[in-house]
Amino acid sequence: MTTRSVQPATSTIKNQHQALSTGDDRDRLPLLAIDALRQSLLSWYAEVGRDLPWRQSRDPYAIWVSEIMLQQTQVKTVIPYYHRWLTLFPTVAALAIAEQQQVLKAWEGLGYYARARNLHRAAQSIMQHHGGTFPDCLSAVMTLPGIGRTTAGGILSAAFDQPLAILDGNVKRVLARLIALQTPPNRAIALLWQLSEALLDRQQPRNFNQAIMDLGATVCTPHQPRCPQCPWKMHCQAYNQDIQSKLPMSELRAPLPHKIIGVAVIWNDQGQILIDRRRQEGLLGGLWEFPGGKVEPGETIEACIQREIREELGIEIAVGDRLIVVDHAYSHFRVTLNVHHCRHLNGEPQAIECDEIRWVTLADIDQYPFPKANVQIIEALRQKG
C-alpha cells in the first residue's frame, strides 16, 4: 500500500498550538489547519455548492421542514415533498391547525412517520408557547418535539446565521476521515462535536454548515469518495494514509430480524374493504393499514390471519386466495407480508388493538395515509381488480 506524505498543519485554534484529545493522553489527534480548512471549504462551496430550494429561504419554518425531511432521506426524494408540503402548510399556523391525517397523508411515502407527527406537535407547541413564531434560541428550539442538537444547529445557523455547529451523518463521515478516526463515529460523539465546534467558521456559520454537508453528500461519500475533488484532501489524514475507503469504521451489526406477517384484505357484501388506524405510539402510529399480524411458530398463513383478525377486530372471516407477497425493510427489522383476500362472515368489527376501523371502497382508499408496504397492496388490488 502506498502511503502519501502527511501535510503539516499550519494554523491553530485561537492561534495556539493545541491538540484535540480523545480523552486518552496516549491517543492525541494531530493538529489541524483550522483557517486553511475553513477557507478552502468555503471557496469550494462558493463554486460548486448545490442549489437547493430551502437555501433560497431564511424562513426558519421552511428550513425546519427541510431539515426534518432530510433526516434519513435523500435530497432528490425530499424536493417534491418539500414543495408540496409548503403548498399545503405554508406557515407554522397552517400546520398547527391541520388534522393529523392530512399531515400524515402529505408525508406518505417518506417513511419514518414520527418525523411528521413531531412536526405537527411542534407547530402546535410554537403556536401555544411562542406566539406562532419559530424561536431563535437554541434551548427553546431543542424543547420542540423531534429536534435535537444537530437539527437545531442546522435551523438556527441557516435561518439566523447563528454560530452553531452540526453533526449529522455526512459531517460525521467527513470528520472521521479528516482525523482518520480509528473507532466507529458513534463511539466518539463527544470528540466529533468538539472537532465540529472547532472547525465552524463563526463569521459564516450558515455557509460553513451547508458546505460541510455538501462535502459529505457529494464528495466524501460513503463509498468511492471523490478525493481528487476534495478541498480538504491535503489535510485529510485518511486520504494521506490511503485508508479513506476503510473509514469511517462501522459497528458490527447483528442480522436484521425477519418477521413473517399474515395480512387480510377483508371484503363485505357491499364491496367495501376493512382498514384500521394504528395506535399513535410506536412505529407507523396514526397510519391506516390492512389488518393482520405475526405468524406464530408452526402456524399457517391462513390460520394466522384468522386468529389475528379475531383477536384484533373481534370478527370471523374466511381466508381466500393470496393477493400478493410484499417484502419490506425498516431500519431495525424486515417483514414479509403475505396478503390474502378474505370475506367477512359475522361479527361487528371492533377497534380492540387499534384506534379506529372503517369500511372503505377501493375508489376512496387514497384519502387515507398508508405505510409504503401497504401502498403496494393497494396497487395490487387495482391491478387485479
Foldseek 3Di string as FASTA:
>chain_A
DDFFDADAADAAQVRDDDWQDLPDPVDTFHGHNQVLVQVLLLVLCVPDNDDAPCLVDLQLLLQLVVLLLVVVDDRVVCRVLSVVVCVQQVALVSLQPDDLQVQLLSCFPSFPCVSSVQSNQQSVVCVVPVVRGQDLDLVVNCVRPPDDQQSSQLSNCSNPVAQGFHDDPLQLQQVCQLRVPPAASVVRVVSSRVVRSSNQDSVRNNSSRSSSSCCSVPALDLAPGNLVSDSCQSRGPCNSRVNSNCPDPDDDDDDFAEFEKEFEQEAEPVQWTKKFAADQDDGPHRAIAGDIGTADPPGDSQRRRQVRCCQQWVFGKAWDAWQDWFWDDDPRHIYIYTYTYIYTDDDDTDRRRHDDMDIGHLVPPSSGRHHPRRVVVSVSVVVVD
